[in-house]
Amino acid sequence: MKKIVCLFILCCVAISMFACQPETTTTTTSTTEPTTSSTVKPGPDVEDTVTKSEGVMTWEEYNAADLESEVTIEAYVQGKQAWWFNSDKNTGLGTFYLQDGIGGYFLYEMPCTEEEYNSLTVGTKVKVTGYKAEWAGEVEIIDAEFEIIEGNYVAEPSYVTDLLGKDELANYQNMLVRFEGLTVVGWEYQNGTRGKDIYVTLNHNGAEFSFCVESYLTSSDSDLYKAVEALKAGDTVDVIGFAYWYNGINTHITSITVK
């Protein structure tokens, strides 16, 4: 009888110990391959990127501002075209693509030294004051002054394939965007000269759209330039680029993948 009671007590203790064990949780880590060939520091949450200093416009306020009015924005460099020295203005000039977590900005020929240009790497946060302008539908900031401020953010490309041909696509102007499953119609060099821009025509759902390899952004020695030269009519491609405007969407390509 004592053996039975002892056995019963031991069983109760074992069950109690098992019930008190912490629950085991299995965590699966998903790894996403980078969308571009460069390795960059991940940016903060979008909520962090839209915090503005006093007197600085939100993207919505900038978007609503009149053309030729003075604007002040804070955003992060996402790409830049080649620096050059303008002898007439006696200053260096650089053109930049910026984002702030909500919208995009295009700084056209912003005065800067070559050293300053080189310091404005992808992710760098800047405060910019200039004038809002438009050319062929492209909204930009001209005659700008800037200062580098603390912060770092690198945007992921926004998927916008389904917005091709729709007015809503304009809300993504100058942002890094992604298109998938487009069909190559053809391409040609600007003025028929290699080393210049490459004009690429892509088809989506029976409609054709113009894309561009901007030579100031992507040199003719780059893998991207050579990859576009190798495209054939009928190829299916995914494209990443900046949603530049030239009488309609005219994305400046930064990456292209043949499916």
Protein backbone atom coordinates (compact mmCIF):
# COMPACT_ATOMS: atom_id res chain seq x y z
CA MET A 1 0.00 0.00 0.00
CA LYS A 2 2.84 2.39 0.89
CA LYS A 3 4.47 1.61 -2.49
CA ILE A 4 1.25 2.52 -4.31
CA VAL A 5 0.94 5.83 -2.41
CA CYS A 6 4.60 6.71 -3.09
CA LEU A 7 4.21 5.90 -6.76
CA PHE A 8 1.14 8.08 -6.94
CA ILE A 9 2.98 11.00 -5.29
CA LEU A 10 5.94 10.64 -7.69
CA CYS A 11 3.59 10.72 -10.69
CA CYS A 12 1.92 13.90 -9.39
CA VAL A 13 5.29 15.58 -8.89
CA ALA A 14 6.40 14.63 -12.43
CA ILE A 15 3.21 15.98 -13.97
CA SER A 16 3.57 19.21 -11.97
CA MET A 17 7.18 19.70 -13.12
CA PHE A 18 6.23 19.15 -16.78
CA ALA A 19 3.36 21.64 -16.54
CA CYS A 20 5.72 24.32 -15.22
CA GLN A 21 8.17 24.09 -18.11
CA PRO A 22 8.24 27.31 -20.22
CA GLU A 23 6.54 27.16 -23.59
CA THR A 24 9.01 26.66 -26.43
CA THR A 25 8.63 29.09 -29.34
CA THR A 26 10.17 28.44 -32.76
CA THR A 27 11.23 31.61 -34.59
CA THR A 28 11.71 31.62 -38.35
CA THR A 29 13.91 34.32 -39.79
CA SER A 30 13.08 35.43 -43.31
CA THR A 31 15.95 36.77 -45.37
CA THR A 32 15.14 39.06 -48.28
CA GLU A 33 17.78 39.56 -50.92
CA PRO A 34 18.72 43.21 -51.55
CA THR A 35 16.98 44.89 -54.46
CA THR A 36 20.15 46.58 -55.64
CA SER A 37 23.78 45.58 -55.86
CA SER A 38 24.90 48.04 -53.18
CA THR A 39 24.89 47.21 -49.50
CA VAL A 40 23.38 49.99 -47.42
CA LYS A 41 22.42 50.50 -43.81
CA PRO A 42 18.70 49.84 -43.25
CA GLY A 43 16.70 52.93 -42.49
CA PRO A 44 14.48 53.54 -39.44
CA ASP A 45 10.73 53.04 -39.39
CA VAL A 46 8.77 55.37 -41.66
CA GLU A 47 7.34 57.12 -38.59
CA ASP A 48 10.87 58.16 -37.62
CA THR A 49 11.70 59.57 -41.05
CA VAL A 50 8.79 62.02 -41.24
CA THR A 51 9.64 63.93 -38.05
CA LYS A 52 10.51 67.48 -39.16
CA SER A 53 12.33 70.34 -37.51
CA GLU A 54 10.52 73.59 -36.83
CA GLY A 55 9.82 75.52 -40.03
CA VAL A 56 10.35 72.49 -42.26
CA MET A 57 7.59 71.37 -44.62
CA THR A 58 6.00 67.96 -44.61
CA TRP A 59 5.85 66.29 -48.01
CA GLU A 60 2.13 67.12 -48.18
CA GLU A 61 2.86 70.80 -47.57
CA TYR A 62 5.62 70.77 -50.16
CA ASN A 63 3.36 69.04 -52.67
CA ALA A 64 0.68 71.69 -52.16
CA ALA A 65 3.10 74.65 -52.38
CA ASP A 66 2.90 76.96 -55.38
CA LEU A 67 5.52 76.77 -58.11
CA GLU A 68 8.30 79.38 -57.75
CA SER A 69 7.66 79.61 -54.01
CA GLU A 70 10.44 79.08 -51.47
CA VAL A 71 10.40 75.65 -49.85
CA THR A 72 12.33 74.08 -46.99
CA ILE A 73 12.44 70.31 -46.65
CA GLU A 74 14.32 67.60 -44.80
CA ALA A 75 14.94 64.29 -46.55
CA TYR A 76 17.50 61.58 -47.21
CA VAL A 77 19.70 61.13 -50.28
CA GLN A 78 18.71 58.04 -52.28
CA GLY A 79 20.72 58.63 -55.45
CA LYS A 80 22.67 61.29 -57.33
CA GLN A 81 23.77 62.21 -60.81
CA ALA A 82 27.34 63.12 -61.72
CA TRP A 83 28.95 66.27 -60.27
CA TRP A 84 30.23 68.91 -62.69
CA PHE A 85 31.72 72.39 -62.53
CA ASN A 86 29.75 75.20 -64.14
CA SER A 87 32.23 77.87 -65.22
CA ASP A 88 29.48 80.40 -65.95
CA LYS A 89 28.21 80.17 -62.36
CA ASN A 90 31.70 79.49 -61.01
CA THR A 91 30.43 76.67 -58.84
CA GLY A 92 30.07 72.91 -58.82
CA LEU A 93 26.62 71.40 -59.30
CA GLY A 94 25.04 68.11 -58.29
CA THR A 95 21.60 66.62 -58.93
CA PHE A 96 20.03 64.42 -56.24
CA TYR A 97 17.06 62.12 -55.62
CA LEU A 98 15.70 62.37 -52.05
CA GLN A 99 12.97 60.73 -49.96
CA ASP A 100 11.60 61.27 -46.46
CA GLY A 101 9.48 58.15 -45.86
CA ILE A 102 6.35 59.71 -47.38
CA GLY A 103 7.34 61.28 -50.70
CA GLY A 104 10.19 62.07 -53.06
CA TYR A 105 12.13 65.20 -54.04
CA PHE A 106 14.43 66.05 -56.96
CA LEU A 107 17.20 68.57 -56.35
CA TYR A 108 18.27 69.90 -59.72
CA GLU A 109 21.83 71.21 -60.03
CA MET A 110 22.27 72.10 -56.39
CA PRO A 111 25.46 74.15 -55.81
CA CYS A 112 28.07 72.11 -53.95
CA THR A 113 31.78 71.44 -54.02
CA GLU A 114 33.02 68.10 -55.25
CA GLU A 115 33.98 67.24 -51.68
CA GLU A 116 30.45 68.04 -50.49
CA TYR A 117 28.99 66.02 -53.36
CA ASN A 118 31.08 63.00 -52.37
CA SER A 119 29.97 63.33 -48.73
CA LEU A 120 26.28 63.13 -49.72
CA THR A 121 26.13 59.34 -49.82
CA VAL A 122 22.95 57.26 -49.95
CA GLY A 123 21.11 57.54 -46.63
CA THR A 124 22.52 60.96 -45.67
CA LYS A 125 19.94 63.35 -44.20
CA VAL A 126 19.92 66.94 -45.42
CA LYS A 127 17.95 70.10 -44.79
CA VAL A 128 17.35 71.96 -48.05
CA THR A 129 15.98 75.41 -48.85
CA GLY A 130 15.28 76.37 -52.44
CA TYR A 131 12.52 77.13 -54.92
CA LYS A 132 9.89 74.78 -56.25
CA ALA A 133 9.93 74.49 -60.03
CA GLU A 134 8.57 72.27 -62.79
CA TRP A 135 9.91 71.19 -66.16
CA ALA A 136 7.97 68.92 -68.55
CA GLY A 137 5.92 67.68 -65.60
CA GLU A 138 8.93 67.01 -63.36
CA VAL A 139 8.61 68.83 -60.02
CA GLU A 140 11.99 69.83 -58.62
CA ILE A 141 13.83 72.12 -56.25
CA ILE A 142 16.25 74.61 -57.82
CA ASP A 143 18.72 77.22 -56.53
CA ALA A 144 19.00 75.17 -53.35
CA GLU A 145 21.18 75.48 -50.28
CA PHE A 146 21.70 72.53 -47.97
CA GLU A 147 23.17 71.38 -44.70
CA ILE A 148 23.84 67.84 -43.54
CA ILE A 149 21.98 66.90 -40.36
CA GLU A 150 21.87 63.83 -38.18
CA GLY A 151 19.94 60.85 -39.49
CA ASN A 152 20.12 57.97 -41.94
CA TYR A 153 17.43 56.30 -44.02
CA VAL A 154 17.53 54.10 -47.11
CA ALA A 155 14.18 53.54 -48.83
CA GLU A 156 12.90 50.24 -50.13
CA PRO A 157 11.44 50.54 -53.66
CA SER A 158 7.65 50.87 -53.68
CA TYR A 159 5.75 48.40 -55.88
CA VAL A 160 3.80 50.44 -58.44
CA THR A 161 3.26 48.15 -61.45
CA ASP A 162 -0.51 48.31 -61.09
CA LEU A 163 -0.43 52.13 -61.14
CA LEU A 164 1.07 52.40 -64.64
CA GLY A 165 -1.28 54.54 -66.72
CA LYS A 166 -3.09 55.87 -63.63
CA ASP A 167 -3.03 59.37 -62.12
CA GLU A 168 -2.13 57.93 -58.70
CA LEU A 169 1.36 57.14 -59.94
CA ALA A 170 2.20 60.87 -59.73
CA ASN A 171 2.16 60.58 -55.93
CA TYR A 172 5.34 58.48 -56.27
CA GLN A 173 7.21 61.02 -58.37
CA ASN A 174 10.97 61.00 -57.60
CA MET A 175 10.64 58.00 -55.26
CA LEU A 176 12.45 54.70 -55.72
CA VAL A 177 9.88 52.36 -57.29
CA ARG A 178 9.61 48.80 -58.56
CA PHE A 179 7.85 47.39 -61.63
CA GLU A 180 7.44 43.67 -62.28
CA GLY A 181 6.62 41.58 -65.34
CA LEU A 182 7.05 44.23 -68.06
CA THR A 183 7.75 43.25 -71.67
CA VAL A 184 10.57 44.81 -73.67
CA VAL A 185 9.40 46.54 -76.85
CA GLY A 186 12.78 48.01 -77.79
CA TRP A 187 15.49 50.51 -76.89
CA GLU A 188 17.71 53.12 -78.51
CA TYR A 189 20.59 55.44 -77.64
CA GLN A 190 19.99 59.16 -77.28
CA ASN A 191 21.04 60.70 -80.61
CA GLY A 192 22.10 57.21 -81.69
CA THR A 193 25.32 57.51 -79.68
CA ARG A 194 26.58 54.95 -77.19
CA GLY A 195 27.48 56.56 -73.88
CA LYS A 196 24.43 58.80 -73.97
CA ASP A 197 21.10 57.99 -72.31
CA ILE A 198 19.32 54.81 -73.35
CA TYR A 199 15.60 55.14 -74.06
CA VAL A 200 13.76 51.92 -73.22
CA THR A 201 10.15 51.16 -74.19
CA LEU A 202 8.33 48.61 -72.03
CA ASN A 203 4.82 47.19 -72.33
CA HIS A 204 2.33 46.54 -69.55
CA ASN A 205 -1.15 45.19 -70.30
CA GLY A 206 -0.97 46.38 -73.90
CA ALA A 207 0.18 49.93 -73.10
CA GLU A 208 3.72 51.21 -73.74
CA PHE A 209 5.75 53.27 -71.27
CA SER A 210 9.06 55.10 -71.57
CA PHE A 211 11.98 54.30 -69.26
CA CYS A 212 15.48 55.74 -69.30
CA VAL A 213 19.02 54.78 -68.40
CA GLU A 214 20.20 58.27 -67.39
CA SER A 215 23.87 58.43 -68.35
CA TYR A 216 24.66 61.00 -65.62
CA LEU A 217 23.21 58.56 -63.07
CA THR A 218 24.51 55.33 -64.63
CA SER A 219 27.67 55.43 -66.72
CA SER A 220 28.20 53.43 -69.92
CA ASP A 221 30.83 51.36 -68.07
CA SER A 222 28.30 50.06 -65.55
CA ASP A 223 26.83 46.56 -65.51
CA LEU A 224 23.34 48.10 -65.72
CA TYR A 225 24.11 50.01 -68.91
CA LYS A 226 25.51 46.84 -70.52
CA ALA A 227 22.55 44.76 -69.30
CA VAL A 228 20.09 47.13 -70.98
CA GLU A 229 22.13 46.99 -74.19
CA ALA A 230 21.64 43.22 -74.14
CA LEU A 231 17.83 43.40 -73.91
CA LYS A 232 15.81 41.87 -76.74
CA ALA A 233 12.25 42.58 -77.80
CA GLY A 234 9.95 40.16 -76.01
CA ASP A 235 12.10 39.84 -72.87
CA THR A 236 10.18 39.99 -69.59
CA VAL A 237 11.84 42.22 -67.01
CA ASP A 238 11.54 43.57 -63.48
CA VAL A 239 12.73 47.16 -63.10
CA ILE A 240 13.76 49.37 -60.17
CA GLY A 241 14.34 53.07 -60.61
CA PHE A 242 13.46 56.63 -59.66
CA ALA A 243 10.03 57.78 -60.81
CA TYR A 244 11.22 60.77 -62.80
CA TRP A 245 8.77 62.63 -65.04
CA TYR A 246 9.21 63.82 -68.62
CA ASN A 247 5.80 64.51 -70.14
CA GLY A 248 4.64 61.48 -68.16
CA ILE A 249 6.41 58.77 -66.19
CA ASN A 250 9.99 58.32 -67.43
CA THR A 251 11.63 56.17 -64.77
CA HIS A 252 15.39 56.50 -64.39
CA ILE A 253 16.43 52.85 -64.20
CA THR A 254 18.78 51.71 -61.43
CA SER A 255 18.30 47.94 -61.72
CA ILE A 256 16.85 45.57 -64.32
CA THR A 257 16.37 41.81 -64.15
CA VAL A 258 15.43 39.57 -67.07
CA LYS A 259 12.97 36.92 -65.93
